PDB file of N, CA and C in Angstrom:
ATOM      1  N   MET A   1     -28.415  65.859 -57.641  1.00  0.00           N
ATOM      2  CA  MET A   1     -27.405  66.897 -57.444  1.00  0.00           C
ATOM      3  C   MET A   1     -27.564  68.012 -58.476  1.00  0.00           C
ATOM      4  N   PHE A   2     -27.794  67.609 -59.738  1.00  0.00           N
ATOM      5  CA  PHE A   2     -27.924  68.612 -60.803  1.00  0.00           C
ATOM      6  C   PHE A   2     -29.120  69.528 -60.549  1.00  0.00           C
ATOM      7  N   THR A   3     -30.226  68.950 -60.057  1.00  0.00           N
ATOM      8  CA  THR A   3     -31.423  69.759 -59.817  1.00  0.00           C
ATOM      9  C   THR A   3     -31.181  70.792 -58.723  1.00  0.00           C
ATOM     10  N   SER A   4     -30.417  70.426 -57.695  1.00  0.00           N
ATOM     11  CA  SER A   4     -30.132  71.380 -56.621  1.00  0.00           C
ATOM     12  C   SER A   4     -29.263  72.530 -57.130  1.00  0.00           C
ATOM     13  N   VAL A   5     -28.336  72.215 -58.037  1.00  0.00           N
ATOM     14  CA  VAL A   5     -27.498  73.259 -58.634  1.00  0.00           C
ATOM     15  C   VAL A   5     -28.351  74.190 -59.477  1.00  0.00           C
ATOM     16  N   THR A   6     -29.276  73.628 -60.246  1.00  0.00           N
ATOM     17  CA  THR A   6     -30.167  74.432 -61.079  1.00  0.00           C
ATOM     18  C   THR A   6     -31.041  75.334 -60.214  1.00  0.00           C
ATOM     19  N   THR A   7     -31.557  74.791 -59.114  1.00  0.00           N
ATOM     20  CA  THR A   7     -32.394  75.575 -58.202  1.00  0.00           C
ATOM     21  C   THR A   7     -31.601  76.724 -57.604  1.00  0.00           C
ATOM     22  N   MET A   8     -30.355  76.445 -57.234  1.00  0.00           N
ATOM     23  CA  MET A   8     -29.494  77.481 -56.672  1.00  0.00           C
ATOM     24  C   MET A   8     -29.261  78.585 -57.696  1.00  0.00           C
ATOM     25  N   LEU A   9     -29.001  78.197 -58.948  1.00  0.00           N
ATOM     26  CA  LEU A   9     -28.772  79.183 -60.008  1.00  0.00           C
ATOM     27  C   LEU A   9     -30.032  79.998 -60.264  1.00  0.00           C
ATOM     28  N   GLU A  10     -31.196  79.355 -60.182  1.00  0.00           N
ATOM     29  CA  GLU A  10     -32.452  80.079 -60.374  1.00  0.00           C
ATOM     30  C   GLU A  10     -32.627  81.143 -59.296  1.00  0.00           C
ATOM     31  N   LYS A  11     -32.300  80.802 -58.061  1.00  0.00           N
ATOM     32  CA  LYS A  11     -32.397  81.772 -56.963  1.00  0.00           C
ATOM     33  C   LYS A  11     -31.440  82.933 -57.182  1.00  0.00           C
ATOM     34  N   ILE A  12     -30.219  82.613 -57.597  1.00  0.00           N
ATOM     35  CA  ILE A  12     -29.230  83.665 -57.879  1.00  0.00           C
ATOM     36  C   ILE A  12     -29.715  84.550 -59.020  1.00  0.00           C
ATOM     37  N   ASN A  13     -30.305  83.913 -60.047  1.00  0.00           N
ATOM     38  CA  ASN A  13     -30.795  84.668 -61.201  1.00  0.00           C
ATOM     39  C   ASN A  13     -31.939  85.593 -60.794  1.00  0.00           C
ATOM     40  N   GLN A  14     -32.818  85.123 -59.886  1.00  0.00           N
ATOM     41  CA  GLN A  14     -33.920  85.961 -59.403  1.00  0.00           C
ATOM     42  C   GLN A  14     -33.387  87.155 -58.629  1.00  0.00           C
ATOM     43  N   ILE A  15     -32.395  86.912 -57.773  1.00  0.00           N
ATOM     44  CA  ILE A  15     -31.810  87.999 -56.981  1.00  0.00           C
ATOM     45  C   ILE A  15     -31.129  89.011 -57.900  1.00  0.00           C
ATOM     46  N   ALA A  16     -30.387  88.507 -58.894  1.00  0.00           N
ATOM     47  CA  ALA A  16     -29.707  89.386 -59.839  1.00  0.00           C
ATOM     48  C   ALA A  16     -30.724  90.146 -60.692  1.00  0.00           C
ATOM     49  N   GLY A  17     -31.819  89.472 -61.048  1.00  0.00           N
ATOM     50  CA  GLY A  17     -32.857  90.099 -61.861  1.00  0.00           C
ATOM     51  C   GLY A  17     -33.565  91.216 -61.120  1.00  0.00           C
ATOM     52  N   ASN A  18     -33.614  91.111 -59.786  1.00  0.00           N
ATOM     53  CA  ASN A  18     -34.273  92.135 -58.977  1.00  0.00           C
ATOM     54  C   ASN A  18     -33.439  93.409 -58.880  1.00  0.00           C
ATOM     55  N   SER A  19     -32.171  93.320 -59.239  1.00  0.00           N
ATOM     56  CA  SER A  19     -31.290  94.477 -59.146  1.00  0.00           C
ATOM     57  C   SER A  19     -30.910  94.948 -60.549  1.00  0.00           C
ATOM     58  N   THR A  20     -31.376  96.124 -60.932  1.00  0.00           N
ATOM     59  CA  THR A  20     -31.068  96.664 -62.261  1.00  0.00           C
ATOM     60  C   THR A  20     -29.574  96.887 -62.410  1.00  0.00           C
ATOM     61  N   ARG A  21     -28.887  97.038 -61.295  1.00  0.00           N
ATOM     62  CA  ARG A  21     -27.445  97.259 -61.264  1.00  0.00           C
ATOM     63  C   ARG A  21     -26.693  96.044 -61.796  1.00  0.00           C
ATOM     64  N   LYS A  22     -27.326  94.870 -61.709  1.00  0.00           N
ATOM     65  CA  LYS A  22     -26.644  93.625 -62.075  1.00  0.00           C
ATOM     66  C   LYS A  22     -27.164  93.062 -63.405  1.00  0.00           C
ATOM     67  N   LYS A  23     -27.533  93.931 -64.318  1.00  0.00           N
ATOM     68  CA  LYS A  23     -28.064  93.471 -65.607  1.00  0.00           C
ATOM     69  C   LYS A  23     -27.064  92.596 -66.352  1.00  0.00           C
ATOM     70  N   GLY A  24     -25.802  92.941 -66.283  1.00  0.00           N
ATOM     71  CA  GLY A  24     -24.768  92.159 -66.956  1.00  0.00           C
ATOM     72  C   GLY A  24     -24.697  90.743 -66.407  1.00  0.00           C
ATOM     73  N   GLU A  25     -24.813  90.605 -65.078  1.00  0.00           N
ATOM     74  CA  GLU A  25     -24.770  89.291 -64.451  1.00  0.00           C
ATOM     75  C   GLU A  25     -26.000  88.478 -64.841  1.00  0.00           C
ATOM     76  N   THR A  26     -27.158  89.145 -64.934  1.00  0.00           N
ATOM     77  CA  THR A  26     -28.385  88.453 -65.313  1.00  0.00           C
ATOM     78  C   THR A  26     -28.272  87.908 -66.728  1.00  0.00           C
ATOM     79  N   LYS A  27     -27.705  88.705 -67.626  1.00  0.00           N
ATOM     80  CA  LYS A  27     -27.511  88.250 -69.011  1.00  0.00           C
ATOM     81  C   LYS A  27     -26.580  87.051 -69.051  1.00  0.00           C
ATOM     82  N   PHE A  28     -25.530  87.088 -68.234  1.00  0.00           N
ATOM     83  CA  PHE A  28     -24.581  85.976 -68.174  1.00  0.00           C
ATOM     84  C   PHE A  28     -25.270  84.716 -67.663  1.00  0.00           C
ATOM     85  N   LEU A  29     -26.107  84.868 -66.619  1.00  0.00           N
ATOM     86  CA  LEU A  29     -26.815  83.713 -66.062  1.00  0.00           C
ATOM     87  C   LEU A  29     -27.829  83.165 -67.057  1.00  0.00           C
ATOM     88  N   SER A  30     -28.489  84.044 -67.806  1.00  0.00           N
ATOM     89  CA  SER A  30     -29.425  83.592 -68.829  1.00  0.00           C
ATOM     90  C   SER A  30     -28.705  82.751 -69.869  1.00  0.00           C
ATOM     91  N   HIS A  31     -27.526  83.187 -70.260  1.00  0.00           N
ATOM     92  CA  HIS A  31     -26.703  82.434 -71.216  1.00  0.00           C
ATOM     93  C   HIS A  31     -26.283  81.099 -70.603  1.00  0.00           C
ATOM     94  N   LEU A  32     -25.954  81.126 -69.309  1.00  0.00           N
ATOM     95  CA  LEU A  32     -25.559  79.902 -68.604  1.00  0.00           C
ATOM     96  C   LEU A  32     -26.706  78.896 -68.580  1.00  0.00           C
ATOM     97  N   PHE A  33     -27.933  79.393 -68.371  1.00  0.00           N
ATOM     98  CA  PHE A  33     -29.109  78.511 -68.371  1.00  0.00           C
ATOM     99  C   PHE A  33     -29.297  77.853 -69.734  1.00  0.00           C
ATOM    100  N   ARG A  34     -29.053  78.598 -70.805  1.00  0.00           N
ATOM    101  CA  ARG A  34     -29.172  78.020 -72.147  1.00  0.00           C
ATOM    102  C   ARG A  34     -28.145  76.924 -72.348  1.00  0.00           C
ATOM    103  N   MET A  35     -26.941  77.134 -71.817  1.00  0.00           N
ATOM    104  CA  MET A  35     -25.893  76.112 -71.894  1.00  0.00           C
ATOM    105  C   MET A  35     -26.303  74.868 -71.106  1.00  0.00           C
ATOM    106  N   LEU A  36     -26.855  75.080 -69.902  1.00  0.00           N
ATOM    107  CA  LEU A  36     -27.282  73.962 -69.056  1.00  0.00           C
ATOM    108  C   LEU A  36     -28.432  73.193 -69.695  1.00  0.00           C
ATOM    109  N   ALA A  37     -29.301  73.896 -70.410  1.00  0.00           N
ATOM    110  CA  ALA A  37     -30.447  73.244 -71.052  1.00  0.00           C
ATOM    111  C   ALA A  37     -29.994  72.202 -72.074  1.00  0.00           C
ATOM    112  N   ILE A  38     -28.836  72.437 -72.683  1.00  0.00           N
ATOM    113  CA  ILE A  38     -28.292  71.492 -73.658  1.00  0.00           C
ATOM    114  C   ILE A  38     -27.963  70.163 -72.980  1.00  0.00           C
ATOM    115  N   PHE A  39     -27.483  70.227 -71.729  1.00  0.00           N
ATOM    116  CA  PHE A  39     -27.055  69.024 -71.019  1.00  0.00           C
ATOM    117  C   PHE A  39     -28.204  68.295 -70.327  1.00  0.00           C
ATOM    118  N   LYS A  40     -29.374  68.924 -70.254  1.00  0.00           N
ATOM    119  CA  LYS A  40     -30.510  68.292 -69.579  1.00  0.00           C
ATOM    120  C   LYS A  40     -30.979  67.052 -70.328  1.00  0.00           C
TER     121      LYS A  40
END
């Protein structure tokens, strides 16, 4: 289950990264990934 959530977040992060308009969201997701890495 956790891996599917991570994959979903990666897809969202890629979509957000493709849009310069969503730089703030990308930074937030990057921070979220660092938080998730602690729990891995």
